[in-house]
Amino acid sequence: MKYAIAFSMTLATLALAGCQRDVVVTPAPAPAVVTVPGPAGATGATGATGSTGSTGDTGNTGVMGNTGSTGATGGTGATGSTGDTGATGQRGKTGDTIVVVPVPAPAPAR
């Protein structure tokens, strides 16, 4: 582990040193001679104003389109079929007959 870090740093230093270039200095060119112009002359006369151009023609109005026709009425739908009769339930069973006999009222006391 100790040698790996040292080896990596050495390799990075050599790689960066190999990319270094010498600086080339070019001599500056000789300064150019600039001549200064003399004073400005008098202003010239103003020119004549140009004539106004002609106005263009107005375009034609377009033709109105035709009105569309009314659509046809749709056909009447077919009548649906009648539903089936439901199943009949079973007949109820008869039970025993119960007879209720009332208790006779007690005779009045004299």
PDB file of N, CA and C in Angstrom:
ATOM      1  N   MET A   1       0.830  -1.186   0.000  1.00  0.00           N
ATOM      2  CA  MET A   1       0.000   0.000   0.000  1.00  0.00           C
ATOM      3  C   MET A   1       0.874   1.250   0.000  1.00  0.00           C
ATOM      4  N   LYS A   2       1.968   1.207   0.763  1.00  0.00           N
ATOM      5  CA  LYS A   2       2.866   2.376   0.824  1.00  0.00           C
ATOM      6  C   LYS A   2       3.473   2.656  -0.546  1.00  0.00           C
ATOM      7  N   TYR A   3       3.825   1.611  -1.258  1.00  0.00           N
ATOM      8  CA  TYR A   3       4.484   1.784  -2.545  1.00  0.00           C
ATOM      9  C   TYR A   3       3.506   2.200  -3.651  1.00  0.00           C
ATOM     10  N   ALA A   4       2.252   1.838  -3.491  1.00  0.00           N
ATOM     11  CA  ALA A   4       1.272   2.168  -4.531  1.00  0.00           C
ATOM     12  C   ALA A   4       1.051   3.676  -4.618  1.00  0.00           C
ATOM     13  N   ILE A   5       0.990   4.348  -3.476  1.00  0.00           N
ATOM     14  CA  ILE A   5       0.791   5.802  -3.490  1.00  0.00           C
ATOM     15  C   ILE A   5       2.029   6.497  -4.046  1.00  0.00           C
ATOM     16  N   ALA A   6       3.192   6.057  -3.638  1.00  0.00           N
ATOM     17  CA  ALA A   6       4.436   6.672  -4.137  1.00  0.00           C
ATOM     18  C   ALA A   6       4.579   6.440  -5.641  1.00  0.00           C
ATOM     19  N   PHE A   7       4.259   5.237  -6.094  1.00  0.00           N
ATOM     20  CA  PHE A   7       4.360   4.931  -7.518  1.00  0.00           C
ATOM     21  C   PHE A   7       3.375   5.784  -8.331  1.00  0.00           C
ATOM     22  N   SER A   8       2.143   5.964  -7.821  1.00  0.00           N
ATOM     23  CA  SER A   8       1.141   6.771  -8.518  1.00  0.00           C
ATOM     24  C   SER A   8       1.575   8.226  -8.614  1.00  0.00           C
ATOM     25  N   MET A   9       2.146   8.774  -7.559  1.00  0.00           N
ATOM     26  CA  MET A   9       2.589  10.175  -7.580  1.00  0.00           C
ATOM     27  C   MET A   9       3.745  10.355  -8.561  1.00  0.00           C
ATOM     28  N   THR A  10       4.656   9.396  -8.605  1.00  0.00           N
ATOM     29  CA  THR A  10       5.786   9.480  -9.540  1.00  0.00           C
ATOM     30  C   THR A  10       5.297   9.404 -10.979  1.00  0.00           C
ATOM     31  N   LEU A  11       4.374   8.505 -11.239  1.00  0.00           N
ATOM     32  CA  LEU A  11       3.845   8.355 -12.585  1.00  0.00           C
ATOM     33  C   LEU A  11       3.103   9.625 -13.030  1.00  0.00           C
ATOM     34  N   ALA A  12       2.310  10.249 -12.131  1.00  0.00           N
ATOM     35  CA  ALA A  12       1.594  11.486 -12.462  1.00  0.00           C
ATOM     36  C   ALA A  12       2.570  12.621 -12.744  1.00  0.00           C
ATOM     37  N   THR A  13       3.671  12.702 -11.980  1.00  0.00           N
ATOM     38  CA  THR A  13       4.672  13.757 -12.184  1.00  0.00           C
ATOM     39  C   THR A  13       5.349  13.602 -13.542  1.00  0.00           C
ATOM     40  N   LEU A  14       5.697  12.392 -13.912  1.00  0.00           N
ATOM     41  CA  LEU A  14       6.344  12.161 -15.208  1.00  0.00           C
ATOM     42  C   LEU A  14       5.388  12.437 -16.372  1.00  0.00           C
ATOM     43  N   ALA A  15       4.119  12.079 -16.190  1.00  0.00           N
ATOM     44  CA  ALA A  15       3.150  12.311 -17.258  1.00  0.00           C
ATOM     45  C   ALA A  15       2.934  13.799 -17.488  1.00  0.00           C
ATOM     46  N   LEU A  16       2.870  14.584 -16.389  1.00  0.00           N
ATOM     47  CA  LEU A  16       2.666  16.020 -16.539  1.00  0.00           C
ATOM     48  C   LEU A  16       3.925  16.716 -17.046  1.00  0.00           C
ATOM     49  N   ALA A  17       5.070  16.233 -16.694  1.00  0.00           N
ATOM     50  CA  ALA A  17       6.326  16.842 -17.164  1.00  0.00           C
ATOM     51  C   ALA A  17       6.516  16.584 -18.651  1.00  0.00           C
ATOM     52  N   GLY A  18       6.021  15.453 -19.149  1.00  0.00           N
ATOM     53  CA  GLY A  18       6.158  15.135 -20.565  1.00  0.00           C
ATOM     54  C   GLY A  18       5.299  16.034 -21.431  1.00  0.00           C
ATOM     55  N   CYS A  19       4.282  16.625 -20.885  1.00  0.00           N
ATOM     56  CA  CYS A  19       3.373  17.489 -21.644  1.00  0.00           C
ATOM     57  C   CYS A  19       3.835  18.938 -21.659  1.00  0.00           C
ATOM     58  N   GLN A  20       4.846  19.277 -20.917  1.00  0.00           N
ATOM     59  CA  GLN A  20       5.277  20.665 -20.821  1.00  0.00           C
ATOM     60  C   GLN A  20       5.983  21.069 -22.104  1.00  0.00           C
ATOM     61  N   ARG A  21       5.665  22.270 -22.629  1.00  0.00           N
ATOM     62  CA  ARG A  21       6.258  22.744 -23.885  1.00  0.00           C
ATOM     63  C   ARG A  21       7.051  24.018 -23.607  1.00  0.00           C
ATOM     64  N   ASP A  22       8.011  24.255 -24.475  1.00  0.00           N
ATOM     65  CA  ASP A  22       8.778  25.495 -24.367  1.00  0.00           C
ATOM     66  C   ASP A  22       7.952  26.632 -24.939  1.00  0.00           C
ATOM     67  N   VAL A  23       8.062  27.795 -24.323  1.00  0.00           N
ATOM     68  CA  VAL A  23       7.317  28.961 -24.758  1.00  0.00           C
ATOM     69  C   VAL A  23       8.087  29.630 -25.883  1.00  0.00           C
ATOM     70  N   VAL A  24       7.390  29.895 -27.018  1.00  0.00           N
ATOM     71  CA  VAL A  24       8.005  30.549 -28.159  1.00  0.00           C
ATOM     72  C   VAL A  24       7.570  32.007 -28.133  1.00  0.00           C
ATOM     73  N   VAL A  25       8.544  32.919 -28.133  1.00  0.00           N
ATOM     74  CA  VAL A  25       8.244  34.347 -28.082  1.00  0.00           C
ATOM     75  C   VAL A  25       8.473  34.912 -29.475  1.00  0.00           C
ATOM     76  N   THR A  26       7.433  35.534 -30.030  1.00  0.00           N
ATOM     77  CA  THR A  26       7.574  36.168 -31.353  1.00  0.00           C
ATOM     78  C   THR A  26       7.806  37.654 -31.140  1.00  0.00           C
ATOM     79  N   PRO A  27       8.687  38.268 -31.922  1.00  0.00           N
ATOM     80  CA  PRO A  27       8.970  39.704 -31.741  1.00  0.00           C
ATOM     81  C   PRO A  27       7.761  40.539 -32.184  1.00  0.00           C
ATOM     82  N   ALA A  28       7.546  41.659 -31.540  1.00  0.00           N
ATOM     83  CA  ALA A  28       6.432  42.553 -31.844  1.00  0.00           C
ATOM     84  C   ALA A  28       6.674  43.231 -33.189  1.00  0.00           C
ATOM     85  N   PRO A  29       5.607  43.435 -33.998  1.00  0.00           N
ATOM     86  CA  PRO A  29       5.799  44.108 -35.288  1.00  0.00           C
ATOM     87  C   PRO A  29       6.104  45.598 -35.081  1.00  0.00           C
ATOM     88  N   ALA A  30       6.705  46.179 -36.105  1.00  0.00           N
ATOM     89  CA  ALA A  30       7.048  47.603 -36.042  1.00  0.00           C
ATOM     90  C   ALA A  30       5.766  48.426 -35.997  1.00  0.00           C
ATOM     91  N   PRO A  31       5.711  49.504 -35.220  1.00  0.00           N
ATOM     92  CA  PRO A  31       4.488  50.311 -35.125  1.00  0.00           C
ATOM     93  C   PRO A  31       4.152  50.958 -36.469  1.00  0.00           C
ATOM     94  N   ALA A  32       2.875  51.000 -36.794  1.00  0.00           N
ATOM     95  CA  ALA A  32       2.420  51.580 -38.058  1.00  0.00           C
ATOM     96  C   ALA A  32       2.343  53.103 -37.917  1.00  0.00           C
ATOM     97  N   VAL A  33       2.632  53.788 -39.013  1.00  0.00           N
ATOM     98  CA  VAL A  33       2.586  55.247 -39.015  1.00  0.00           C
ATOM     99  C   VAL A  33       1.178  55.662 -39.437  1.00  0.00           C
ATOM    100  N   VAL A  34       0.507  56.459 -38.587  1.00  0.00           N
ATOM    101  CA  VAL A  34      -0.842  56.917 -38.871  1.00  0.00           C
ATOM    102  C   VAL A  34      -0.794  58.417 -39.122  1.00  0.00           C
ATOM    103  N   THR A  35      -1.362  58.834 -40.247  1.00  0.00           N
ATOM    104  CA  THR A  35      -1.389  60.264 -40.552  1.00  0.00           C
ATOM    105  C   THR A  35      -2.702  60.846 -40.066  1.00  0.00           C
ATOM    106  N   VAL A  36      -2.684  62.008 -39.498  1.00  0.00           N
ATOM    107  CA  VAL A  36      -3.867  62.666 -38.965  1.00  0.00           C
ATOM    108  C   VAL A  36      -4.466  63.525 -40.070  1.00  0.00           C
ATOM    109  N   PRO A  37      -5.792  63.427 -40.350  1.00  0.00           N
ATOM    110  CA  PRO A  37      -6.393  64.238 -41.405  1.00  0.00           C
ATOM    111  C   PRO A  37      -6.524  65.700 -40.973  1.00  0.00           C
ATOM    112  N   GLY A  38      -6.712  66.554 -41.944  1.00  0.00           N
ATOM    113  CA  GLY A  38      -6.842  67.989 -41.677  1.00  0.00           C
ATOM    114  C   GLY A  38      -8.223  68.329 -41.152  1.00  0.00           C
ATOM    115  N   PRO A  39      -8.535  69.610 -40.987  1.00  0.00           N
ATOM    116  CA  PRO A  39      -9.833  70.017 -40.448  1.00  0.00           C
ATOM    117  C   PRO A  39     -10.959  69.695 -41.446  1.00  0.00           C
ATOM    118  N   ALA A  40     -12.185  69.521 -40.914  1.00  0.00           N
ATOM    119  CA  ALA A  40     -13.335  69.154 -41.744  1.00  0.00           C
ATOM    120  C   ALA A  40     -13.747  70.332 -42.618  1.00  0.00           C
ATOM    121  N   GLY A  41     -14.289  70.050 -43.803  1.00  0.00           N
ATOM    122  CA  GLY A  41     -14.740  71.087 -44.725  1.00  0.00           C
ATOM    123  C   GLY A  41     -16.149  71.557 -44.381  1.00  0.00           C
ATOM    124  N   ALA A  42     -16.702  72.482 -45.165  1.00  0.00           N
ATOM    125  CA  ALA A  42     -18.034  73.028 -44.929  1.00  0.00           C
ATOM    126  C   ALA A  42     -19.090  71.976 -45.242  1.00  0.00           C
ATOM    127  N   THR A  43     -20.249  72.095 -44.581  1.00  0.00           N
ATOM    128  CA  THR A  43     -21.348  71.155 -44.786  1.00  0.00           C
ATOM    129  C   THR A  43     -22.006  71.450 -46.119  1.00  0.00           C
ATOM    130  N   GLY A  44     -22.396  70.369 -46.845  1.00  0.00           N
ATOM    131  CA  GLY A  44     -23.031  70.534 -48.154  1.00  0.00           C
ATOM    132  C   GLY A  44     -24.488  70.940 -48.026  1.00  0.00           C
ATOM    133  N   ALA A  45     -25.091  71.368 -49.135  1.00  0.00           N
ATOM    134  CA  ALA A  45     -26.491  71.803 -49.150  1.00  0.00           C
ATOM    135  C   ALA A  45     -27.404  70.582 -48.975  1.00  0.00           C
ATOM    136  N   THR A  46     -28.610  70.833 -48.423  1.00  0.00           N
ATOM    137  CA  THR A  46     -29.577  69.768 -48.214  1.00  0.00           C
ATOM    138  C   THR A  46     -30.207  69.392 -49.541  1.00  0.00           C
ATOM    139  N   GLY A  47     -30.403  68.109 -49.776  1.00  0.00           N
ATOM    140  CA  GLY A  47     -30.984  67.642 -51.034  1.00  0.00           C
ATOM    141  C   GLY A  47     -32.494  67.835 -51.066  1.00  0.00           C
ATOM    142  N   ALA A  48     -33.084  67.718 -52.250  1.00  0.00           N
ATOM    143  CA  ALA A  48     -34.535  67.882 -52.433  1.00  0.00           C
ATOM    144  C   ALA A  48     -35.265  66.667 -51.853  1.00  0.00           C
ATOM    145  N   THR A  49     -36.490  66.890 -51.371  1.00  0.00           N
ATOM    146  CA  THR A  49     -37.306  65.811 -50.818  1.00  0.00           C
ATOM    147  C   THR A  49     -37.887  65.003 -51.962  1.00  0.00           C
ATOM    148  N   GLY A  50     -37.911  63.685 -51.836  1.00  0.00           N
ATOM    149  CA  GLY A  50     -38.434  62.809 -52.883  1.00  0.00           C
ATOM    150  C   GLY A  50     -39.953  62.852 -52.940  1.00  0.00           C
ATOM    151  N   SER A  51     -40.548  62.479 -54.080  1.00  0.00           N
ATOM    152  CA  SER A  51     -42.007  62.486 -54.232  1.00  0.00           C
ATOM    153  C   SER A  51     -42.600  61.278 -53.517  1.00  0.00           C
ATOM    154  N   THR A  52     -43.870  61.438 -53.132  1.00  0.00           N
ATOM    155  CA  THR A  52     -44.578  60.364 -52.431  1.00  0.00           C
ATOM    156  C   THR A  52     -44.969  59.290 -53.427  1.00  0.00           C
ATOM    157  N   GLY A  53     -44.838  58.053 -53.066  1.00  0.00           N
ATOM    158  CA  GLY A  53     -45.194  56.945 -53.959  1.00  0.00           C
ATOM    159  C   GLY A  53     -46.704  56.795 -54.086  1.00  0.00           C
ATOM    160  N   SER A  54     -47.146  56.072 -55.121  1.00  0.00           N
ATOM    161  CA  SER A  54     -48.590  55.887 -55.345  1.00  0.00           C
ATOM    162  C   SER A  54     -49.130  54.819 -54.388  1.00  0.00           C
ATOM    163  N   THR A  55     -50.438  54.941 -54.085  1.00  0.00           N
ATOM    164  CA  THR A  55     -51.099  54.003 -53.183  1.00  0.00           C
ATOM    165  C   THR A  55     -51.484  52.757 -53.960  1.00  0.00           C
ATOM    166  N   GLY A  56     -51.343  51.592 -53.358  1.00  0.00           N
ATOM    167  CA  GLY A  56     -51.666  50.333 -54.029  1.00  0.00           C
ATOM    168  C   GLY A  56     -53.165  50.119 -54.148  1.00  0.00           C
ATOM    169  N   ASP A  57     -53.583  49.222 -55.064  1.00  0.00           N
ATOM    170  CA  ASP A  57     -55.000  48.903 -55.269  1.00  0.00           C
ATOM    171  C   ASP A  57     -55.530  48.084 -54.095  1.00  0.00           C
ATOM    172  N   THR A  58     -56.842  48.262 -53.842  1.00  0.00           N
ATOM    173  CA  THR A  58     -57.509  47.465 -52.818  1.00  0.00           C
ATOM    174  C   THR A  58     -57.899  46.142 -53.439  1.00  0.00           C
ATOM    175  N   GLY A  59     -57.716  45.057 -52.735  1.00  0.00           N
ATOM    176  CA  GLY A  59     -58.035  43.727 -53.273  1.00  0.00           C
ATOM    177  C   GLY A  59     -59.534  43.497 -53.381  1.00  0.00           C
ATOM    178  N   ASN A  60     -59.937  42.513 -54.208  1.00  0.00           N
ATOM    179  CA  ASN A  60     -61.345  42.162 -54.396  1.00  0.00           C
ATOM    180  C   ASN A  60     -61.872  41.397 -53.187  1.00  0.00           C
ATOM    181  N   THR A  61     -63.190  41.534 -52.951  1.00  0.00           N
ATOM    182  CA  THR A  61     -63.832  40.779 -51.879  1.00  0.00           C
ATOM    183  C   THR A  61     -64.106  39.374 -52.378  1.00  0.00           C
ATOM    184  N   GLY A  62     -63.897  38.387 -51.555  1.00  0.00           N
ATOM    185  CA  GLY A  62     -64.108  37.000 -51.959  1.00  0.00           C
ATOM    186  C   GLY A  62     -65.583  36.665 -52.132  1.00  0.00           C
ATOM    187  N   VAL A  63     -65.862  35.585 -52.858  1.00  0.00           N
ATOM    188  CA  VAL A  63     -67.237  35.124 -53.118  1.00  0.00           C
ATOM    189  C   VAL A  63     -67.720  34.329 -51.908  1.00  0.00           C
ATOM    190  N   MET A  64     -69.016  34.518 -51.536  1.00  0.00           N
ATOM    191  CA  MET A  64     -69.572  33.809 -50.391  1.00  0.00           C
ATOM    192  C   MET A  64     -69.782  32.354 -50.755  1.00  0.00           C
ATOM    193  N   GLY A  65     -69.490  31.443 -49.842  1.00  0.00           N
ATOM    194  CA  GLY A  65     -69.651  30.013 -50.090  1.00  0.00           C
ATOM    195  C   GLY A  65     -71.102  29.571 -50.030  1.00  0.00           C
ATOM    196  N   ASN A  66     -71.389  28.375 -50.555  1.00  0.00           N
ATOM    197  CA  ASN A  66     -72.742  27.828 -50.554  1.00  0.00           C
ATOM    198  C   ASN A  66     -73.096  27.302 -49.166  1.00  0.00           C
ATOM    199  N   THR A  67     -74.416  27.315 -48.875  1.00  0.00           N
ATOM    200  CA  THR A  67     -74.895  26.774 -47.603  1.00  0.00           C
ATOM    201  C   THR A  67     -75.064  25.272 -47.758  1.00  0.00           C
ATOM    202  N   GLY A  68     -74.664  24.509 -46.782  1.00  0.00           N
ATOM    203  CA  GLY A  68     -74.778  23.049 -46.862  1.00  0.00           C
ATOM    204  C   GLY A  68     -76.215  22.587 -46.727  1.00  0.00           C
ATOM    205  N   SER A  69     -76.515  21.380 -47.262  1.00  0.00           N
ATOM    206  CA  SER A  69     -77.876  20.838 -47.184  1.00  0.00           C
ATOM    207  C   SER A  69     -78.079  20.145 -45.841  1.00  0.00           C
ATOM    208  N   THR A  70     -79.382  20.021 -45.459  1.00  0.00           N
ATOM    209  CA  THR A  70     -79.733  19.377 -44.201  1.00  0.00           C
ATOM    210  C   THR A  70     -79.604  17.873 -44.355  1.00  0.00           C
ATOM    211  N   GLY A  71     -79.115  17.196 -43.337  1.00  0.00           N
ATOM    212  CA  GLY A  71     -78.935  15.745 -43.399  1.00  0.00           C
ATOM    213  C   GLY A  71     -80.266  15.007 -43.340  1.00  0.00           C
ATOM    214  N   ALA A  72     -80.281  13.740 -43.780  1.00  0.00           N
ATOM    215  CA  ALA A  72     -81.489  12.916 -43.787  1.00  0.00           C
ATOM    216  C   ALA A  72     -81.807  12.446 -42.370  1.00  0.00           C
ATOM    217  N   THR A  73     -83.110  12.191 -42.109  1.00  0.00           N
ATOM    218  CA  THR A  73     -83.545  11.719 -40.800  1.00  0.00           C
ATOM    219  C   THR A  73     -83.203  10.242 -40.679  1.00  0.00           C
ATOM    220  N   GLY A  74     -82.748   9.822 -39.527  1.00  0.00           N
ATOM    221  CA  GLY A  74     -82.391   8.416 -39.318  1.00  0.00           C
ATOM    222  C   GLY A  74     -83.612   7.530 -39.204  1.00  0.00           C
ATOM    223  N   GLY A  75     -83.455   6.230 -39.474  1.00  0.00           N
ATOM    224  CA  GLY A  75     -84.542   5.254 -39.413  1.00  0.00           C
ATOM    225  C   GLY A  75     -84.901   4.935 -37.968  1.00  0.00           C
ATOM    226  N   THR A  76     -86.159   4.452 -37.760  1.00  0.00           N
ATOM    227  CA  THR A  76     -86.617   4.073 -36.429  1.00  0.00           C
ATOM    228  C   THR A  76     -86.054   2.710 -36.096  1.00  0.00           C
ATOM    229  N   GLY A  77     -85.654   2.508 -34.856  1.00  0.00           N
ATOM    230  CA  GLY A  77     -85.090   1.228 -34.447  1.00  0.00           C
ATOM    231  C   GLY A  77     -86.159   0.142 -34.356  1.00  0.00           C
ATOM    232  N   ALA A  78     -85.728  -1.127 -34.403  1.00  0.00           N
ATOM    233  CA  ALA A  78     -86.647  -2.266 -34.329  1.00  0.00           C
ATOM    234  C   ALA A  78     -87.145  -2.443 -32.901  1.00  0.00           C
ATOM    235  N   THR A  79     -88.391  -3.006 -32.758  1.00  0.00           N
ATOM    236  CA  THR A  79     -88.971  -3.245 -31.442  1.00  0.00           C
ATOM    237  C   THR A  79     -88.289  -4.456 -30.824  1.00  0.00           C
ATOM    238  N   GLY A  80     -88.025  -4.386 -29.532  1.00  0.00           N
ATOM    239  CA  GLY A  80     -87.364  -5.496 -28.850  1.00  0.00           C
ATOM    240  C   GLY A  80     -88.309  -6.670 -28.636  1.00  0.00           C
ATOM    241  N   SER A  81     -87.751  -7.874 -28.406  1.00  0.00           N
ATOM    242  CA  SER A  81     -88.576  -9.069 -28.206  1.00  0.00           C
ATOM    243  C   SER A  81     -89.130  -9.090 -26.789  1.00  0.00           C
ATOM    244  N   THR A  82     -90.267  -9.790 -26.614  1.00  0.00           N
ATOM    245  CA  THR A  82     -90.930  -9.888 -25.317  1.00  0.00           C
ATOM    246  C   THR A  82     -90.160 -10.856 -24.436  1.00  0.00           C
ATOM    247  N   GLY A  83     -90.088 -10.568 -23.154  1.00  0.00           N
ATOM    248  CA  GLY A  83     -89.340 -11.429 -22.240  1.00  0.00           C
ATOM    249  C   GLY A  83     -90.100 -12.703 -21.904  1.00  0.00           C
ATOM    250  N   ASP A  84     -89.390 -13.736 -21.446  1.00  0.00           N
ATOM    251  CA  ASP A  84     -89.999 -15.021 -21.063  1.00  0.00           C
ATOM    252  C   ASP A  84     -90.719 -14.873 -19.740  1.00  0.00           C
ATOM    253  N   THR A  85     -91.702 -15.765 -19.529  1.00  0.00           N
ATOM    254  CA  THR A  85     -92.429 -15.803 -18.266  1.00  0.00           C
ATOM    255  C   THR A  85     -91.527 -16.457 -17.228  1.00  0.00           C
ATOM    256  N   GLY A  86     -91.557 -15.927 -16.018  1.00  0.00           N
ATOM    257  CA  GLY A  86     -90.716 -16.473 -14.966  1.00  0.00           C
ATOM    258  C   GLY A  86     -91.200 -17.845 -14.505  1.00  0.00           C
ATOM    259  N   ALA A  87     -90.334 -18.571 -13.793  1.00  0.00           N
ATOM    260  CA  ALA A  87     -90.682 -19.911 -13.297  1.00  0.00           C
ATOM    261  C   ALA A  87     -91.759 -19.800 -12.227  1.00  0.00           C
ATOM    262  N   THR A  88     -92.646 -20.817 -12.145  1.00  0.00           N
ATOM    263  CA  THR A  88     -93.718 -20.835 -11.149  1.00  0.00           C
ATOM    264  C   THR A  88     -93.177 -21.474  -9.884  1.00  0.00           C
ATOM    265  N   GLY A  89     -93.540 -20.914  -8.722  1.00  0.00           N
ATOM    266  CA  GLY A  89     -93.072 -21.467  -7.451  1.00  0.00           C
ATOM    267  C   GLY A  89     -93.830 -22.737  -7.074  1.00  0.00           C
ATOM    268  N   GLN A  90     -93.319 -23.493  -6.095  1.00  0.00           N
ATOM    269  CA  GLN A  90     -93.979 -24.711  -5.640  1.00  0.00           C
ATOM    270  C   GLN A  90     -95.210 -24.359  -4.819  1.00  0.00           C
ATOM    271  N   ARG A  91     -96.140 -25.273  -4.830  1.00  0.00           N
ATOM    272  CA  ARG A  91     -97.375 -25.066  -4.077  1.00  0.00           C
ATOM    273  C   ARG A  91     -97.053 -25.229  -2.601  1.00  0.00           C
ATOM    274  N   GLY A  92     -97.664 -24.408  -1.752  1.00  0.00           N
ATOM    275  CA  GLY A  92     -97.432 -24.479  -0.317  1.00  0.00           C
ATOM    276  C   GLY A  92     -98.038 -25.747   0.287  1.00  0.00           C
ATOM    277  N   LYS A  93     -97.437 -26.251   1.342  1.00  0.00           N
ATOM    278  CA  LYS A  93     -97.919 -27.461   2.004  1.00  0.00           C
ATOM    279  C   LYS A  93     -98.942 -27.069   3.061  1.00  0.00           C
ATOM    280  N   THR A  94     -99.906 -27.946   3.283  1.00  0.00           N
ATOM    281  CA  THR A  94    -100.918 -27.675   4.302  1.00  0.00           C
ATOM    282  C   THR A  94    -100.457 -28.249   5.614  1.00  0.00           C
ATOM    283  N   GLY A  95    -100.746 -27.572   6.695  1.00  0.00           N
ATOM    284  CA  GLY A  95    -100.336 -28.046   8.015  1.00  0.00           C
ATOM    285  C   GLY A  95    -101.520 -28.661   8.771  1.00  0.00           C
ATOM    286  N   ASP A  96    -101.268 -29.068  10.015  1.00  0.00           N
ATOM    287  CA  ASP A  96    -102.332 -29.631  10.852  1.00  0.00           C
ATOM    288  C   ASP A  96    -103.281 -28.521  11.278  1.00  0.00           C
ATOM    289  N   THR A  97    -104.550 -28.873  11.491  1.00  0.00           N
ATOM    290  CA  THR A  97    -105.552 -27.919  11.929  1.00  0.00           C
ATOM    291  C   THR A  97    -105.537 -27.868  13.436  1.00  0.00           C
ATOM    292  N   ILE A  98    -105.462 -26.706  14.019  1.00  0.00           N
ATOM    293  CA  ILE A  98    -105.470 -26.545  15.468  1.00  0.00           C
ATOM    294  C   ILE A  98    -106.822 -25.947  15.853  1.00  0.00           C
ATOM    295  N   VAL A  99    -107.478 -26.587  16.825  1.00  0.00           N
ATOM    296  CA  VAL A  99    -108.771 -26.108  17.295  1.00  0.00           C
ATOM    297  C   VAL A  99    -108.558 -25.540  18.680  1.00  0.00           C
ATOM    298  N   VAL A 100    -108.964 -24.292  18.898  1.00  0.00           N
ATOM    299  CA  VAL A 100    -108.828 -23.638  20.193  1.00  0.00           C
ATOM    300  C   VAL A 100    -110.189 -23.697  20.886  1.00  0.00           C
ATOM    301  N   VAL A 101    -110.243 -24.319  22.054  1.00  0.00           N
ATOM    302  CA  VAL A 101    -111.493 -24.434  22.812  1.00  0.00           C
ATOM    303  C   VAL A 101    -111.409 -23.415  23.930  1.00  0.00           C
ATOM    304  N   PRO A 102    -112.396 -22.476  24.000  1.00  0.00           N
ATOM    305  CA  PRO A 102    -112.347 -21.471  25.045  1.00  0.00           C
ATOM    306  C   PRO A 102    -112.683 -22.092  26.405  1.00  0.00           C
ATOM    307  N   VAL A 103    -112.115 -21.562  27.461  1.00  0.00           N
ATOM    308  CA  VAL A 103    -112.380 -22.022  28.837  1.00  0.00           C
ATOM    309  C   VAL A 103    -113.744 -21.467  29.225  1.00  0.00           C
ATOM    310  N   PRO A 104    -114.647 -22.343  29.829  1.00  0.00           N
ATOM    311  CA  PRO A 104    -115.971 -21.818  30.200  1.00  0.00           C
ATOM    312  C   PRO A 104    -115.834 -20.793  31.307  1.00  0.00           C
ATOM    313  N   ALA A 105    -116.643 -19.798  31.249  1.00  0.00           N
ATOM    314  CA  ALA A 105    -116.619 -18.738  32.253  1.00  0.00           C
ATOM    315  C   ALA A 105    -117.160 -19.292  33.579  1.00  0.00           C
ATOM    316  N   PRO A 106    -116.632 -18.945  34.750  1.00  0.00           N
ATOM    317  CA  PRO A 106    -117.139 -19.456  36.018  1.00  0.00           C
ATOM    318  C   PRO A 106    -118.572 -18.944  36.272  1.00  0.00           C
ATOM    319  N   ALA A 107    -119.282 -19.700  36.954  1.00  0.00           N
ATOM    320  CA  ALA A 107    -120.651 -19.328  37.247  1.00  0.00           C
ATOM    321  C   ALA A 107    -120.668 -18.209  38.257  1.00  0.00           C
ATOM    322  N   PRO A 108    -121.606 -17.279  38.133  1.00  0.00           N
ATOM    323  CA  PRO A 108    -121.631 -16.163  39.065  1.00  0.00           C
ATOM    324  C   PRO A 108    -122.001 -16.637  40.493  1.00  0.00           C
ATOM    325  N   ALA A 109    -121.430 -16.087  41.471  1.00  0.00           N
ATOM    326  CA  ALA A 109    -121.699 -16.461  42.861  1.00  0.00           C
ATOM    327  C   ALA A 109    -122.995 -15.836  43.348  1.00  0.00           C
ATOM    328  N   ARG A 110    -123.873 -16.649  44.170  1.00  0.00           N
ATOM    329  CA  ARG A 110    -125.126 -16.120  44.645  1.00  0.00           C
ATOM    330  C   ARG A 110    -125.039 -15.649  45.980  1.00  0.00           C
TER     331      ARG A 110
END
